[in-house]
Amino acid sequence: MIPLPLIILRPEPGNAATREAANRLGLAAHSFPLFEIAAVPWQAPQGPFDAILAGSANIFRHGGPQLSAFKSVPVMAVGATTAEAARAAGFAVSHIGEGGLQPTVETLPPGHYLRLAGEDRVTLTPPAGVRIATEVVYAALSRPISSQLAALLEQTCVVLLHSGEAARHFADECERLGIARNRVYLACLAPRIASLAGHGWADIRVATQRTDADLLALAVRMCQ
């Protein structure tokens, strides 16, 4: 049986990494980044801070020279990819979580923390005694669905969704172009992403863990 085509929408450099991993798994993967990551001007806030809360590797790729002011502050990263980017930028990583930042925030001792984030981000609910200063350092600039991607979406396929912003934008673009949802299967990195994609798709499933490896394992099952 010929596997369904897999469409990867995440921005670079993650798109290429996911496609390479998908190809190793025998999937017919296609790259169509729907976003371009760009730096946003920001000013370093006054500390001191007990730790940096980092929910994306893009913080360290696009944060700019202002990051150097916080090199002595340990990083609490949302996952292994973010931790790797932090270390590559010269930061020490004190914690690597999974399943989003909120579970990490719930375990924080009282103190003052710096959250570096993108424009599209989940609202965090800290426990008593935890203060979080948030600075936006990057933005995901959306792109329209290309004619090549639109043609591919006319057949049955599986689409990977790595973020809530991607889910919203992809759904809006399908609506704008009149692309039928009942031929498109969605593989989502987290439950929030699935909810933001809306209804009417052929199927929506969520990875068991919030990692690219688990998302691709789900895609293998959905493409067969």
C-alpha atoms as a PDB file:
ATOM      1  CA  MET A   1       0.000   0.000   0.000  1.00  0.00           C
ATOM      2  CA  ILE A   2       1.357   3.399  -0.986  1.00  0.00           C
ATOM      3  CA  PRO A   3       1.583   5.689   2.073  1.00  0.00           C
ATOM      4  CA  LEU A   4      -0.264   8.990   2.062  1.00  0.00           C
ATOM      5  CA  PRO A   5       1.871  12.078   1.397  1.00  0.00           C
ATOM      6  CA  LEU A   6       3.018  13.939   4.512  1.00  0.00           C
ATOM      7  CA  ILE A   7       3.037  17.747   4.515  1.00  0.00           C
ATOM      8  CA  ILE A   8       5.322  19.652   6.886  1.00  0.00           C
ATOM      9  CA  LEU A   9       4.347  23.276   7.529  1.00  0.00           C
ATOM     10  CA  ARG A  10       6.730  24.337  10.320  1.00  0.00           C
ATOM     11  CA  PRO A  11       9.282  27.089   9.606  1.00  0.00           C
ATOM     12  CA  GLU A  12      12.955  26.489   8.932  1.00  0.00           C
ATOM     13  CA  PRO A  13      15.296  25.171  10.181  1.00  0.00           C
ATOM     14  CA  GLY A  14      12.857  22.775  11.866  1.00  0.00           C
ATOM     15  CA  ASN A  15      11.104  21.970   8.602  1.00  0.00           C
ATOM     16  CA  ALA A  16      14.200  20.487   6.978  1.00  0.00           C
ATOM     17  CA  ALA A  17      15.048  18.495  10.114  1.00  0.00           C
ATOM     18  CA  THR A  18      11.534  17.040  10.321  1.00  0.00           C
ATOM     19  CA  ARG A  19      11.504  16.191   6.616  1.00  0.00           C
ATOM     20  CA  GLU A  20      14.860  14.409   6.898  1.00  0.00           C
ATOM     21  CA  ALA A  21      13.591  12.379   9.853  1.00  0.00           C
ATOM     22  CA  ALA A  22      10.352  11.600   8.000  1.00  0.00           C
ATOM     23  CA  ASN A  23      12.264  10.403   4.950  1.00  0.00           C
ATOM     24  CA  ARG A  24      14.306   8.061   7.138  1.00  0.00           C
ATOM     25  CA  LEU A  25      11.010   6.552   8.294  1.00  0.00           C
ATOM     26  CA  GLY A  26       9.979   5.909   4.688  1.00  0.00           C
ATOM     27  CA  LEU A  27       7.379   8.677   4.496  1.00  0.00           C
ATOM     28  CA  ALA A  28       6.702  10.684   1.346  1.00  0.00           C
ATOM     29  CA  ALA A  29       7.369  14.056   2.999  1.00  0.00           C
ATOM     30  CA  HIS A  30       6.849  17.477   1.408  1.00  0.00           C
ATOM     31  CA  SER A  31       8.135  20.771   2.846  1.00  0.00           C
ATOM     32  CA  PHE A  32       5.905  23.840   2.662  1.00  0.00           C
ATOM     33  CA  PRO A  33       6.874  26.274   5.454  1.00  0.00           C
ATOM     34  CA  LEU A  34       3.881  28.520   6.199  1.00  0.00           C
ATOM     35  CA  PHE A  35       5.898  30.826   8.452  1.00  0.00           C
ATOM     36  CA  GLU A  36       9.173  32.686   8.467  1.00  0.00           C
ATOM     37  CA  ILE A  37      10.720  33.451  11.858  1.00  0.00           C
ATOM     38  CA  ALA A  38      11.918  37.032  12.298  1.00  0.00           C
ATOM     39  CA  ALA A  39      13.512  38.913  15.189  1.00  0.00           C
ATOM     40  CA  VAL A  40      11.452  41.495  17.082  1.00  0.00           C
ATOM     41  CA  PRO A  41      13.131  44.564  18.675  1.00  0.00           C
ATOM     42  CA  TRP A  42      13.215  44.272  22.465  1.00  0.00           C
ATOM     43  CA  GLN A  43      14.995  45.725  25.453  1.00  0.00           C
ATOM     44  CA  ALA A  44      16.612  43.713  28.205  1.00  0.00           C
ATOM     45  CA  PRO A  45      14.501  44.109  31.377  1.00  0.00           C
ATOM     46  CA  GLN A  46      15.865  44.789  34.829  1.00  0.00           C
ATOM     47  CA  GLY A  47      16.698  41.748  36.912  1.00  0.00           C
ATOM     48  CA  PRO A  48      17.959  39.925  38.706  1.00  0.00           C
ATOM     49  CA  PHE A  49      16.243  36.751  37.531  1.00  0.00           C
ATOM     50  CA  ASP A  50      16.364  33.264  39.009  1.00  0.00           C
ATOM     51  CA  ALA A  51      16.000  31.557  35.620  1.00  0.00           C
ATOM     52  CA  ILE A  52      15.010  32.060  31.996  1.00  0.00           C
ATOM     53  CA  LEU A  53      11.840  30.279  30.879  1.00  0.00           C
ATOM     54  CA  ALA A  54      12.386  29.263  27.251  1.00  0.00           C
ATOM     55  CA  GLY A  55       9.583  27.747  25.184  1.00  0.00           C
ATOM     56  CA  SER A  56      11.299  27.686  21.793  1.00  0.00           C
ATOM     57  CA  ALA A  57      14.727  27.341  20.229  1.00  0.00           C
ATOM     58  CA  ASN A  58      13.875  30.462  18.206  1.00  0.00           C
ATOM     59  CA  ILE A  59      14.591  32.534  21.322  1.00  0.00           C
ATOM     60  CA  PHE A  60      18.285  31.768  21.010  1.00  0.00           C
ATOM     61  CA  ARG A  61      18.358  31.883  17.214  1.00  0.00           C
ATOM     62  CA  HIS A  62      16.698  35.305  16.945  1.00  0.00           C
ATOM     63  CA  GLY A  63      17.062  36.957  20.364  1.00  0.00           C
ATOM     64  CA  GLY A  64      19.974  39.109  19.227  1.00  0.00           C
ATOM     65  CA  PRO A  65      22.796  40.720  21.220  1.00  0.00           C
ATOM     66  CA  GLN A  66      20.477  41.558  24.132  1.00  0.00           C
ATOM     67  CA  LEU A  67      20.702  37.893  25.168  1.00  0.00           C
ATOM     68  CA  SER A  68      24.293  38.396  26.277  1.00  0.00           C
ATOM     69  CA  ALA A  69      23.064  40.321  29.330  1.00  0.00           C
ATOM     70  CA  PHE A  70      21.577  37.077  30.697  1.00  0.00           C
ATOM     71  CA  LYS A  71      24.355  34.556  29.997  1.00  0.00           C
ATOM     72  CA  SER A  72      24.777  33.948  33.726  1.00  0.00           C
ATOM     73  CA  VAL A  73      21.079  33.110  34.212  1.00  0.00           C
ATOM     74  CA  PRO A  74      20.215  29.375  33.957  1.00  0.00           C
ATOM     75  CA  VAL A  75      17.721  28.305  31.324  1.00  0.00           C
ATOM     76  CA  MET A  76      14.648  26.190  31.976  1.00  0.00           C
ATOM     77  CA  ALA A  77      13.865  24.804  28.521  1.00  0.00           C
ATOM     78  CA  VAL A  78      10.593  23.387  27.247  1.00  0.00           C
ATOM     79  CA  GLY A  79      12.334  20.464  25.552  1.00  0.00           C
ATOM     80  CA  ALA A  80      15.575  18.989  24.232  1.00  0.00           C
ATOM     81  CA  THR A  81      15.698  21.074  21.034  1.00  0.00           C
ATOM     82  CA  THR A  82      15.326  24.326  22.983  1.00  0.00           C
ATOM     83  CA  ALA A  83      17.942  23.178  25.479  1.00  0.00           C
ATOM     84  CA  GLU A  84      20.364  22.371  22.662  1.00  0.00           C
ATOM     85  CA  ALA A  85      19.873  25.838  21.139  1.00  0.00           C
ATOM     86  CA  ALA A  86      20.419  27.457  24.548  1.00  0.00           C
ATOM     87  CA  ARG A  87      23.690  25.603  25.078  1.00  0.00           C
ATOM     88  CA  ALA A  88      24.842  26.477  21.546  1.00  0.00           C
ATOM     89  CA  ALA A  89      24.251  30.147  22.411  1.00  0.00           C
ATOM     90  CA  GLY A  90      26.421  29.839  25.522  1.00  0.00           C
ATOM     91  CA  PHE A  91      23.755  29.348  28.209  1.00  0.00           C
ATOM     92  CA  ALA A  92      23.693  26.777  30.988  1.00  0.00           C
ATOM     93  CA  VAL A  93      20.522  24.660  31.110  1.00  0.00           C
ATOM     94  CA  SER A  94      19.192  23.778  34.550  1.00  0.00           C
ATOM     95  CA  HIS A  95      15.978  22.012  33.540  1.00  0.00           C
ATOM     96  CA  ILE A  96      14.510  20.313  30.467  1.00  0.00           C
ATOM     97  CA  GLY A  97      10.757  19.809  30.568  1.00  0.00           C
ATOM     98  CA  GLU A  98       8.139  18.364  28.251  1.00  0.00           C
ATOM     99  CA  GLY A  99       4.502  19.060  27.507  1.00  0.00           C
ATOM    100  CA  GLY A 100       4.801  22.853  27.417  1.00  0.00           C
ATOM    101  CA  LEU A 101       6.033  25.450  29.902  1.00  0.00           C
ATOM    102  CA  GLN A 102       3.044  25.375  32.262  1.00  0.00           C
ATOM    103  CA  PRO A 103       4.019  22.073  33.978  1.00  0.00           C
ATOM    104  CA  THR A 104       7.477  23.545  34.630  1.00  0.00           C
ATOM    105  CA  VAL A 105       6.028  26.811  35.927  1.00  0.00           C
ATOM    106  CA  GLU A 106       3.819  24.931  38.383  1.00  0.00           C
ATOM    107  CA  THR A 107       6.921  23.503  40.083  1.00  0.00           C
ATOM    108  CA  LEU A 108       8.858  26.789  40.374  1.00  0.00           C
ATOM    109  CA  PRO A 109       9.889  27.995  43.825  1.00  0.00           C
ATOM    110  CA  PRO A 110       9.062  31.608  44.675  1.00  0.00           C
ATOM    111  CA  GLY A 111      11.227  34.030  42.738  1.00  0.00           C
ATOM    112  CA  HIS A 112      11.588  36.297  39.729  1.00  0.00           C
ATOM    113  CA  TYR A 113      11.774  34.659  36.303  1.00  0.00           C
ATOM    114  CA  LEU A 114      12.303  35.943  32.759  1.00  0.00           C
ATOM    115  CA  ARG A 115      10.181  34.446  30.016  1.00  0.00           C
ATOM    116  CA  LEU A 116      11.564  35.021  26.502  1.00  0.00           C
ATOM    117  CA  ALA A 117       8.920  34.183  23.933  1.00  0.00           C
ATOM    118  CA  GLY A 118       7.390  34.640  20.501  1.00  0.00           C
ATOM    119  CA  GLU A 119       4.397  36.812  19.699  1.00  0.00           C
ATOM    120  CA  ASP A 120       2.130  33.754  19.669  1.00  0.00           C
ATOM    121  CA  ARG A 121       2.437  32.141  23.076  1.00  0.00           C
ATOM    122  CA  VAL A 122       0.443  30.300  25.702  1.00  0.00           C
ATOM    123  CA  THR A 123      -0.614  32.247  28.803  1.00  0.00           C
ATOM    124  CA  LEU A 124       1.172  30.916  31.877  1.00  0.00           C
ATOM    125  CA  THR A 125      -0.419  30.658  35.327  1.00  0.00           C
ATOM    126  CA  PRO A 126       2.310  30.859  37.981  1.00  0.00           C
ATOM    127  CA  PRO A 127       1.891  29.697  41.581  1.00  0.00           C
ATOM    128  CA  ALA A 128       1.947  32.090  44.527  1.00  0.00           C
ATOM    129  CA  GLY A 129       5.254  33.886  44.947  1.00  0.00           C
ATOM    130  CA  VAL A 130       6.377  33.370  41.344  1.00  0.00           C
ATOM    131  CA  ARG A 131       6.760  36.540  39.270  1.00  0.00           C
ATOM    132  CA  ILE A 132       7.332  36.249  35.522  1.00  0.00           C
ATOM    133  CA  ALA A 133       8.552  39.084  33.303  1.00  0.00           C
ATOM    134  CA  THR A 134       7.805  38.381  29.625  1.00  0.00           C
ATOM    135  CA  GLU A 135       9.726  39.763  26.652  1.00  0.00           C
ATOM    136  CA  VAL A 136       8.770  39.004  23.035  1.00  0.00           C
ATOM    137  CA  VAL A 137      11.931  38.455  20.990  1.00  0.00           C
ATOM    138  CA  TYR A 138      10.659  36.894  17.747  1.00  0.00           C
ATOM    139  CA  ALA A 139       7.585  36.588  15.558  1.00  0.00           C
ATOM    140  CA  ALA A 140       6.343  34.022  13.058  1.00  0.00           C
ATOM    141  CA  LEU A 141       5.407  35.812   9.808  1.00  0.00           C
ATOM    142  CA  SER A 142       2.707  33.887   7.960  1.00  0.00           C
ATOM    143  CA  ARG A 143       2.770  32.968   4.275  1.00  0.00           C
ATOM    144  CA  PRO A 144      -0.168  32.046   2.022  1.00  0.00           C
ATOM    145  CA  ILE A 145      -0.653  28.485   0.842  1.00  0.00           C
ATOM    146  CA  SER A 146       1.188  28.149  -2.462  1.00  0.00           C
ATOM    147  CA  SER A 147      -0.387  26.773  -5.625  1.00  0.00           C
ATOM    148  CA  GLN A 148       1.813  23.668  -5.303  1.00  0.00           C
ATOM    149  CA  LEU A 149       0.610  23.004  -1.762  1.00  0.00           C
ATOM    150  CA  ALA A 150      -2.998  23.709  -2.725  1.00  0.00           C
ATOM    151  CA  ALA A 151      -2.730  21.093  -5.484  1.00  0.00           C
ATOM    152  CA  LEU A 152      -1.314  18.535  -3.038  1.00  0.00           C
ATOM    153  CA  LEU A 153      -4.158  19.225  -0.597  1.00  0.00           C
ATOM    154  CA  GLU A 154      -6.657  18.246  -3.276  1.00  0.00           C
ATOM    155  CA  GLN A 155      -5.717  14.622  -2.628  1.00  0.00           C
ATOM    156  CA  THR A 156      -5.854  12.680   0.618  1.00  0.00           C
ATOM    157  CA  CYS A 157      -2.857  13.594   2.764  1.00  0.00           C
ATOM    158  CA  VAL A 158      -1.541  13.992   6.318  1.00  0.00           C
ATOM    159  CA  VAL A 159      -0.496  17.422   7.615  1.00  0.00           C
ATOM    160  CA  LEU A 160       1.830  17.932  10.589  1.00  0.00           C
ATOM    161  CA  LEU A 161       0.941  20.822  12.901  1.00  0.00           C
ATOM    162  CA  HIS A 162       3.617  21.950  15.348  1.00  0.00           C
ATOM    163  CA  SER A 163       1.954  25.066  16.809  1.00  0.00           C
ATOM    164  CA  GLY A 164      -1.393  26.656  17.543  1.00  0.00           C
ATOM    165  CA  GLU A 165      -0.540  29.543  15.243  1.00  0.00           C
ATOM    166  CA  ALA A 166       0.102  27.101  12.400  1.00  0.00           C
ATOM    167  CA  ALA A 167      -3.215  25.351  13.087  1.00  0.00           C
ATOM    168  CA  ARG A 168      -5.174  28.622  12.917  1.00  0.00           C
ATOM    169  CA  HIS A 169      -3.388  29.891   9.826  1.00  0.00           C
ATOM    170  CA  PHE A 170      -3.645  26.587   7.954  1.00  0.00           C
ATOM    171  CA  ALA A 171      -7.372  26.340   8.699  1.00  0.00           C
ATOM    172  CA  ASP A 172      -7.940  29.941   7.584  1.00  0.00           C
ATOM    173  CA  GLU A 173      -6.012  29.399   4.366  1.00  0.00           C
ATOM    174  CA  CYS A 174      -7.967  26.231   3.557  1.00  0.00           C
ATOM    175  CA  GLU A 175     -11.183  28.216   4.089  1.00  0.00           C
ATOM    176  CA  ARG A 176      -9.959  31.068   1.888  1.00  0.00           C
ATOM    177  CA  LEU A 177      -9.014  28.748  -0.960  1.00  0.00           C
ATOM    178  CA  GLY A 178     -12.030  26.469  -0.652  1.00  0.00           C
ATOM    179  CA  ILE A 179      -9.909  23.398   0.122  1.00  0.00           C
ATOM    180  CA  ALA A 180     -12.059  20.505   1.336  1.00  0.00           C
ATOM    181  CA  ARG A 181     -11.130  19.495   4.870  1.00  0.00           C
ATOM    182  CA  ASN A 182     -12.571  15.981   4.647  1.00  0.00           C
ATOM    183  CA  ARG A 183      -9.549  14.740   2.675  1.00  0.00           C
ATOM    184  CA  VAL A 184      -6.970  16.156   5.085  1.00  0.00           C
ATOM    185  CA  TYR A 185      -5.729  14.277   8.167  1.00  0.00           C
ATOM    186  CA  LEU A 186      -4.072  16.348  10.915  1.00  0.00           C
ATOM    187  CA  ALA A 187      -1.276  15.105  13.180  1.00  0.00           C
ATOM    188  CA  CYS A 188      -0.859  17.587  16.055  1.00  0.00           C
ATOM    189  CA  LEU A 189       1.930  18.058  18.555  1.00  0.00           C
ATOM    190  CA  ALA A 190      -0.404  18.964  21.450  1.00  0.00           C
ATOM    191  CA  PRO A 191      -4.128  19.018  22.342  1.00  0.00           C
ATOM    192  CA  ARG A 192      -4.269  22.850  22.176  1.00  0.00           C
ATOM    193  CA  ILE A 193      -3.084  22.705  18.566  1.00  0.00           C
ATOM    194  CA  ALA A 194      -5.801  20.222  17.660  1.00  0.00           C
ATOM    195  CA  SER A 195      -8.489  22.396  19.232  1.00  0.00           C
ATOM    196  CA  LEU A 196      -7.314  25.493  17.349  1.00  0.00           C
ATOM    197  CA  ALA A 197      -7.457  23.637  14.020  1.00  0.00           C
ATOM    198  CA  GLY A 198     -11.232  23.444  14.226  1.00  0.00           C
ATOM    199  CA  HIS A 199     -13.547  20.782  12.855  1.00  0.00           C
ATOM    200  CA  GLY A 200     -14.387  19.040   9.606  1.00  0.00           C
ATOM    201  CA  TRP A 201     -11.041  17.338   8.944  1.00  0.00           C
ATOM    202  CA  ALA A 202     -10.840  13.681   7.903  1.00  0.00           C
ATOM    203  CA  ASP A 203      -9.294  12.973  11.317  1.00  0.00           C
ATOM    204  CA  ILE A 204      -7.323  14.794  14.013  1.00  0.00           C
ATOM    205  CA  ARG A 205      -4.889  12.982  16.287  1.00  0.00           C
ATOM    206  CA  VAL A 206      -2.442  14.182  18.929  1.00  0.00           C
ATOM    207  CA  ALA A 207       1.054  12.844  19.661  1.00  0.00           C
ATOM    208  CA  THR A 208       1.433  10.995  22.951  1.00  0.00           C
ATOM    209  CA  GLN A 209       4.429  13.170  23.902  1.00  0.00           C
ATOM    210  CA  ARG A 210       5.299  16.682  22.794  1.00  0.00           C
ATOM    211  CA  THR A 211       8.353  15.727  20.736  1.00  0.00           C
ATOM    212  CA  ASP A 212       9.022  15.644  17.002  1.00  0.00           C
ATOM    213  CA  ALA A 213       9.864  11.930  17.243  1.00  0.00           C
ATOM    214  CA  ASP A 214       6.463  11.118  18.761  1.00  0.00           C
ATOM    215  CA  LEU A 215       4.687  13.314  16.214  1.00  0.00           C
ATOM    216  CA  LEU A 216       6.420  11.492  13.373  1.00  0.00           C
ATOM    217  CA  ALA A 217       5.584   8.122  14.931  1.00  0.00           C
ATOM    218  CA  LEU A 218       1.945   9.225  14.848  1.00  0.00           C
ATOM    219  CA  ALA A 219       2.363  10.345  11.222  1.00  0.00           C
ATOM    220  CA  VAL A 220       3.690   6.909  10.250  1.00  0.00           C
ATOM    221  CA  ARG A 221       0.511   5.298  11.545  1.00  0.00           C
ATOM    222  CA  MET A 222      -1.746   7.890   9.899  1.00  0.00           C
ATOM    223  CA  CYS A 223       0.008   7.714   6.520  1.00  0.00           C
ATOM    224  CA  GLN A 224      -0.368   3.947   6.248  1.00  0.00           C
END
